[in-house]
């Protein structure tokens, strides 16, 4: 079969990667998913195969780097924080080192990052030129991006996708939030004034595709919808969609008692703007929180 492009995806078996491989396949691309178990039986999808770390990179037109430990998987012990960092920074370093050792290189590397790079900045609107934070996740994201950026010196176009909270069915942050809301026990966190920057999983997958095929896409791109909202607005939208009340506020200290240090990711405020994506002409299918939640929870 003739494919438009052959694309290698690391982290392609996760929540975002599963959606991405479907979208890339729909666009006529061949997709290779990096996995520790390439021989495991899987449901077939046209143009998708599974390869071990790391295959011959000269075969590919593009690489999408999504690999990284789930930061919400467990409480942040010193060892787990090291795993969070290593899975992103060291994994990306090894990938770029492999590119350096390859004679025929892919044209583009789209490497995941996160809006956590900005830290907690209150109400300040954040475009891609905003200053960075100084907390643990901000430091990890900066180191992560530096490793990916090294590929530029190899003649590879590098796109750094700073991903917000991904909303989709069957996983991600929303799945963890639904139970209390379905029971009528949901509510805003604290005052509800912290900003919540999110993106629908379909738009994220399409934005990754756009970054691959658009030569002008380069450097940091905030992968967030234009309809960022406060926690209070998000809470009310989720309640409306589920037809449940949202009258029980959750004190931030209670969240920290339950989750530990990772609670700061949820209580922090990041008002991110997708300036770079909009300059590229990208059109969001789900630009506002009501349309996004309506589709995910339909």
Protein backbone atom coordinates (compact mmCIF):
# COMPACT_ATOMS: atom_id res chain seq x y z
CA UNK A 1 0.00 0.00 0.00
CA UNK A 2 1.23 3.51 -0.85
CA UNK A 3 1.22 5.92 2.10
CA UNK A 4 1.45 9.70 2.04
CA UNK A 5 4.01 9.67 4.89
CA UNK A 6 5.49 7.04 7.14
CA UNK A 7 5.31 8.20 10.75
CA UNK A 8 6.93 6.75 13.87
CA UNK A 9 5.11 7.34 17.17
CA UNK A 10 6.59 6.81 20.63
CA UNK A 11 4.04 6.57 23.43
CA UNK A 12 1.54 5.52 20.81
CA UNK A 13 -0.30 2.93 22.92
CA UNK A 14 -1.55 5.45 25.49
CA UNK A 15 -4.67 7.62 25.71
CA UNK A 16 -3.54 10.24 23.17
CA UNK A 17 -1.50 7.84 21.04
CA UNK A 18 -4.48 5.56 20.45
CA UNK A 19 -6.50 8.45 19.03
CA UNK A 20 -3.53 9.78 17.08
CA UNK A 21 -2.83 6.54 15.22
CA UNK A 22 -6.45 6.45 14.08
CA UNK A 23 -6.36 10.07 12.85
CA UNK A 24 -3.02 9.62 11.06
CA UNK A 25 -4.27 6.45 9.41
CA UNK A 26 -7.44 8.25 8.28
CA UNK A 27 -5.24 10.92 6.65
CA UNK A 28 -3.54 8.21 4.59
CA UNK A 29 -0.30 7.83 6.51
CA UNK A 30 1.48 4.67 7.56
CA UNK A 31 2.06 4.56 11.32
CA UNK A 32 4.61 2.58 13.33
CA UNK A 33 4.00 2.45 17.08
CA UNK A 34 7.02 1.93 19.33
CA UNK A 35 6.23 -0.66 22.00
CA UNK A 36 8.02 -3.07 24.34
CA UNK A 37 5.80 -5.89 23.05
CA UNK A 38 5.67 -5.50 19.25
CA UNK A 39 4.60 -9.14 18.76
CA UNK A 40 1.56 -8.95 21.09
CA UNK A 41 -1.79 -9.65 19.36
CA UNK A 42 -3.71 -6.45 18.55
CA UNK A 43 -6.80 -5.48 16.62
CA UNK A 44 -5.78 -4.66 13.08
CA UNK A 45 -5.83 -1.13 11.65
CA UNK A 46 -4.87 -0.37 8.07
CA UNK A 47 -1.37 1.01 7.80
CA UNK A 48 -0.47 0.57 11.49
CA UNK A 49 2.31 -1.69 12.73
CA UNK A 50 4.23 -2.12 15.99
CA UNK A 51 8.01 -1.93 16.33
CA UNK A 52 10.54 -2.23 19.17
CA UNK A 53 12.62 0.65 20.56
CA UNK A 54 14.32 1.90 18.42
CA UNK A 55 13.81 0.91 14.78
CA UNK A 56 15.69 2.17 11.73
CA UNK A 57 14.79 5.86 11.75
CA UNK A 58 15.78 6.35 8.11
CA UNK A 59 12.50 4.65 7.10
CA UNK A 60 10.35 7.50 8.43
CA UNK A 61 9.25 10.89 7.18
CA UNK A 62 8.24 12.12 10.64
CA UNK A 63 8.49 11.20 14.32
CA UNK A 64 5.93 11.99 17.01
CA UNK A 65 7.37 11.70 20.51
CA UNK A 66 4.63 11.22 23.13
CA UNK A 67 6.45 8.96 25.58
CA UNK A 68 6.36 9.80 29.29
CA UNK A 69 5.14 8.36 32.60
CA UNK A 70 1.59 9.32 33.64
CA UNK A 71 2.07 12.04 36.28
CA UNK A 72 -1.27 11.13 37.92
CA UNK A 73 -0.46 7.43 38.23
CA UNK A 74 0.53 7.67 41.92
CA UNK A 75 1.75 10.02 44.62
CA UNK A 76 5.01 11.78 43.88
CA UNK A 77 7.76 10.03 45.82
CA UNK A 78 11.36 10.96 45.07
CA UNK A 79 11.71 7.82 42.94
CA UNK A 80 8.52 8.47 40.98
CA UNK A 81 9.56 12.07 40.30
CA UNK A 82 12.79 10.70 38.88
CA UNK A 83 10.74 8.32 36.69
CA UNK A 84 8.60 11.23 35.46
CA UNK A 85 11.74 13.16 34.51
CA UNK A 86 13.71 10.27 33.06
CA UNK A 87 10.85 8.93 30.92
CA UNK A 88 10.62 12.32 29.22
CA UNK A 89 14.09 13.81 29.25
CA UNK A 90 16.25 10.70 28.93
CA UNK A 91 13.84 9.06 26.49
CA UNK A 92 13.95 12.13 24.23
CA UNK A 93 17.73 12.34 24.53
CA UNK A 94 18.08 8.74 23.34
CA UNK A 95 15.72 9.43 20.45
CA UNK A 96 17.68 12.48 19.27
CA UNK A 97 20.98 10.64 19.75
CA UNK A 98 19.60 7.94 17.45
CA UNK A 99 18.68 10.63 14.92
CA UNK A 100 22.25 11.92 15.06
CA UNK A 101 23.50 8.44 14.16
CA UNK A 102 21.11 8.18 11.18
CA UNK A 103 22.24 9.27 7.72
CA UNK A 104 18.76 9.77 6.20
CA UNK A 105 16.71 11.59 8.80
CA UNK A 106 12.97 12.30 9.09
CA UNK A 107 11.98 15.83 8.07
CA UNK A 108 10.19 16.65 11.32
CA UNK A 109 10.10 15.73 15.00
CA UNK A 110 6.90 16.64 16.83
CA UNK A 111 7.75 16.28 20.50
CA UNK A 112 5.26 16.54 23.33
CA UNK A 113 5.76 19.02 26.15
CA UNK A 114 3.15 20.49 28.49
CA UNK A 115 1.71 23.80 29.62
CA UNK A 116 3.22 22.88 32.97
CA UNK A 117 6.31 24.64 31.61
CA UNK A 118 4.68 27.96 32.57
CA UNK A 119 4.01 27.08 36.21
CA UNK A 120 1.20 28.79 38.14
CA UNK A 121 0.72 32.28 36.65
CA UNK A 122 -2.71 33.30 37.88
CA UNK A 123 -4.82 35.32 35.42
CA UNK A 124 -1.95 36.26 33.08
CA UNK A 125 -2.66 35.19 29.47
CA UNK A 126 0.14 32.89 28.31
CA UNK A 127 1.25 32.66 24.70
CA UNK A 128 4.27 30.68 23.54
CA UNK A 129 6.65 33.52 24.50
CA UNK A 130 5.52 33.61 28.16
CA UNK A 131 8.11 33.18 30.91
CA UNK A 132 8.64 29.73 32.38
CA UNK A 133 7.78 28.58 35.89
CA UNK A 134 10.29 27.29 38.42
CA UNK A 135 8.52 24.29 39.97
CA UNK A 136 9.27 20.61 39.36
CA UNK A 137 7.10 20.13 36.26
CA UNK A 138 8.26 23.40 34.72
CA UNK A 139 11.87 22.29 35.11
CA UNK A 140 11.11 18.87 33.62
CA UNK A 141 9.36 20.44 30.62
CA UNK A 142 12.25 22.81 29.99
CA UNK A 143 14.78 19.95 30.04
CA UNK A 144 12.43 17.87 27.86
CA UNK A 145 12.20 20.62 25.24
CA UNK A 146 15.96 21.23 25.27
CA UNK A 147 16.61 17.60 24.37
CA UNK A 148 14.08 17.68 21.52
CA UNK A 149 15.41 21.00 20.24
CA UNK A 150 18.85 19.43 19.63
CA UNK A 151 17.38 17.78 16.53
CA UNK A 152 17.26 21.20 14.83
CA UNK A 153 21.06 21.12 14.50
CA UNK A 154 20.65 17.84 12.59
CA UNK A 155 18.46 19.47 9.96
CA UNK A 156 15.21 18.17 11.47
CA UNK A 157 12.30 20.60 11.88
CA UNK A 158 11.24 20.48 15.55
CA UNK A 159 7.76 21.25 16.88
CA UNK A 160 7.27 21.42 20.66
CA UNK A 161 3.64 20.78 21.56
CA UNK A 162 2.82 22.24 24.98
CA UNK A 163 -0.25 20.17 25.73
CA UNK A 164 -3.04 21.27 28.08
CA UNK A 165 -5.52 19.01 29.90
CA UNK A 166 -6.76 16.53 27.28
CA UNK A 167 -10.50 15.86 27.27
CA UNK A 168 -11.67 12.61 25.69
CA UNK A 169 -13.70 9.52 26.45
CA UNK A 170 -12.20 6.44 28.02
CA UNK A 171 -9.27 7.97 29.83
CA UNK A 172 -7.29 11.07 30.70
CA UNK A 173 -8.05 13.63 33.39
CA UNK A 174 -11.80 13.66 32.73
CA UNK A 175 -12.22 9.99 33.60
CA UNK A 176 -10.80 10.66 37.07
CA UNK A 177 -13.16 13.60 37.61
CA UNK A 178 -16.44 12.00 36.59
CA UNK A 179 -17.37 9.84 39.59
CA UNK A 180 -18.00 12.60 42.15
CA UNK A 181 -19.85 14.68 39.56
CA UNK A 182 -22.08 11.77 38.55
CA UNK A 183 -22.91 11.31 42.24
CA UNK A 184 -23.87 14.98 42.52
CA UNK A 185 -20.84 15.69 44.73
CA UNK A 186 -18.81 17.72 42.26
CA UNK A 187 -17.88 21.35 42.70
CA UNK A 188 -15.23 23.98 42.07
CA UNK A 189 -11.78 23.76 43.61
CA UNK A 190 -11.42 26.52 46.18
CA UNK A 191 -12.67 29.83 44.77
CA UNK A 192 -12.94 28.31 41.30
CA UNK A 193 -10.99 31.24 39.83
CA UNK A 194 -7.95 29.26 38.68
CA UNK A 195 -7.68 29.03 34.90
CA UNK A 196 -8.19 25.67 33.19
CA UNK A 197 -6.52 25.27 29.77
CA UNK A 198 -7.72 22.18 27.93
CA UNK A 199 -7.99 20.60 24.47
CA UNK A 200 -10.34 17.99 23.02
CA UNK A 201 -8.45 14.82 22.08
CA UNK A 202 -9.66 15.01 18.46
CA UNK A 203 -8.27 18.53 18.08
CA UNK A 204 -4.98 17.48 19.68
CA UNK A 205 -4.57 14.60 17.22
CA UNK A 206 -5.43 16.88 14.29
CA UNK A 207 -3.02 19.55 15.57
CA UNK A 208 -0.24 16.95 15.68
CA UNK A 209 -1.08 16.02 12.09
CA UNK A 210 -1.02 19.70 11.10
CA UNK A 211 2.39 20.10 12.76
CA UNK A 212 3.71 17.19 10.70
CA UNK A 213 2.46 18.36 7.30
CA UNK A 214 2.81 22.15 7.68
CA UNK A 215 6.37 23.31 6.90
CA UNK A 216 5.80 26.61 8.73
CA UNK A 217 5.12 24.77 12.01
CA UNK A 218 8.24 25.08 14.13
CA UNK A 219 9.14 25.64 17.78
CA UNK A 220 6.65 25.83 20.67
CA UNK A 221 2.91 25.52 20.05
CA UNK A 222 0.37 25.71 22.88
CA UNK A 223 -1.86 22.69 22.26
CA UNK A 224 -4.91 24.17 23.98
CA UNK A 225 -8.35 25.20 22.80
CA UNK A 226 -9.07 28.93 22.42
CA UNK A 227 -11.85 28.54 25.01
CA UNK A 228 -9.76 28.32 28.18
CA UNK A 229 -12.02 28.85 31.18
CA UNK A 230 -11.87 29.14 34.93
CA UNK A 231 -12.32 26.09 37.11
CA UNK A 232 -15.72 27.47 38.14
CA UNK A 233 -16.89 27.75 34.52
CA UNK A 234 -15.58 24.27 33.72
CA UNK A 235 -17.32 22.82 36.79
CA UNK A 236 -20.65 24.36 35.83
CA UNK A 237 -20.30 23.14 32.23
CA UNK A 238 -19.56 19.60 33.43
CA UNK A 239 -22.55 19.72 35.77
CA UNK A 240 -24.83 20.94 32.96
CA UNK A 241 -23.65 18.21 30.62
CA UNK A 242 -24.18 15.50 33.25
CA UNK A 243 -27.38 17.14 34.56
CA UNK A 244 -25.96 17.11 38.08
CA UNK A 245 -25.59 19.83 40.74
CA UNK A 246 -22.15 21.35 41.40
CA UNK A 247 -22.54 22.82 44.87
CA UNK A 248 -19.79 21.16 46.88
CA UNK A 249 -16.52 23.14 46.64
CA UNK A 250 -13.31 21.20 47.27
CA UNK A 251 -10.74 23.02 49.43
CA UNK A 252 -7.25 22.92 47.84
CA UNK A 253 -5.74 21.60 51.10
CA UNK A 254 -8.10 18.60 50.96
CA UNK A 255 -6.95 17.83 47.43
CA UNK A 256 -3.33 18.00 48.57
CA UNK A 257 -4.08 15.61 51.44
CA UNK A 258 -5.59 13.14 48.97
CA UNK A 259 -3.06 13.43 46.14
CA UNK A 260 0.10 14.91 47.58
CA UNK A 261 2.37 17.19 45.53
CA UNK A 262 0.66 16.41 42.21
CA UNK A 263 -2.40 18.32 43.50
CA UNK A 264 -0.55 21.50 42.54
CA UNK A 265 -1.01 20.57 38.88
CA UNK A 266 -4.79 20.67 39.41
CA UNK A 267 -5.00 23.74 41.65
CA UNK A 268 -2.53 25.84 39.62
CA UNK A 269 -3.76 28.50 37.20
CA UNK A 270 -2.63 28.64 33.56
CA UNK A 271 -4.51 30.85 31.11
CA UNK A 272 -2.92 29.58 27.89
CA UNK A 273 -3.63 30.90 24.39
CA UNK A 274 -3.11 28.88 21.16
CA UNK A 275 -1.48 31.82 19.37
CA UNK A 276 0.97 29.78 17.28
CA UNK A 277 -1.67 27.25 16.20
CA UNK A 278 -4.05 30.00 15.10
CA UNK A 279 -1.27 31.75 13.16
CA UNK A 280 -0.81 28.49 11.24
CA UNK A 281 -4.51 28.61 10.37
CA UNK A 282 -5.49 25.62 12.49
CA UNK A 283 -9.25 25.37 13.05
CA UNK A 284 -10.49 23.79 16.29
CA UNK A 285 -13.52 21.54 15.94
CA UNK A 286 -14.22 21.95 19.68
CA UNK A 287 -13.22 25.52 20.58
CA UNK A 288 -15.37 25.92 23.72
CA UNK A 289 -15.89 23.81 26.82
CA UNK A 290 -19.59 23.09 26.25
CA UNK A 291 -19.06 21.66 22.76
CA UNK A 292 -16.09 19.59 23.96
CA UNK A 293 -17.85 18.08 26.98
CA UNK A 294 -21.03 17.59 24.98
CA UNK A 295 -19.17 15.40 22.48
CA UNK A 296 -17.08 13.49 25.02
CA UNK A 297 -20.03 12.71 27.30
CA UNK A 298 -22.67 12.17 24.61
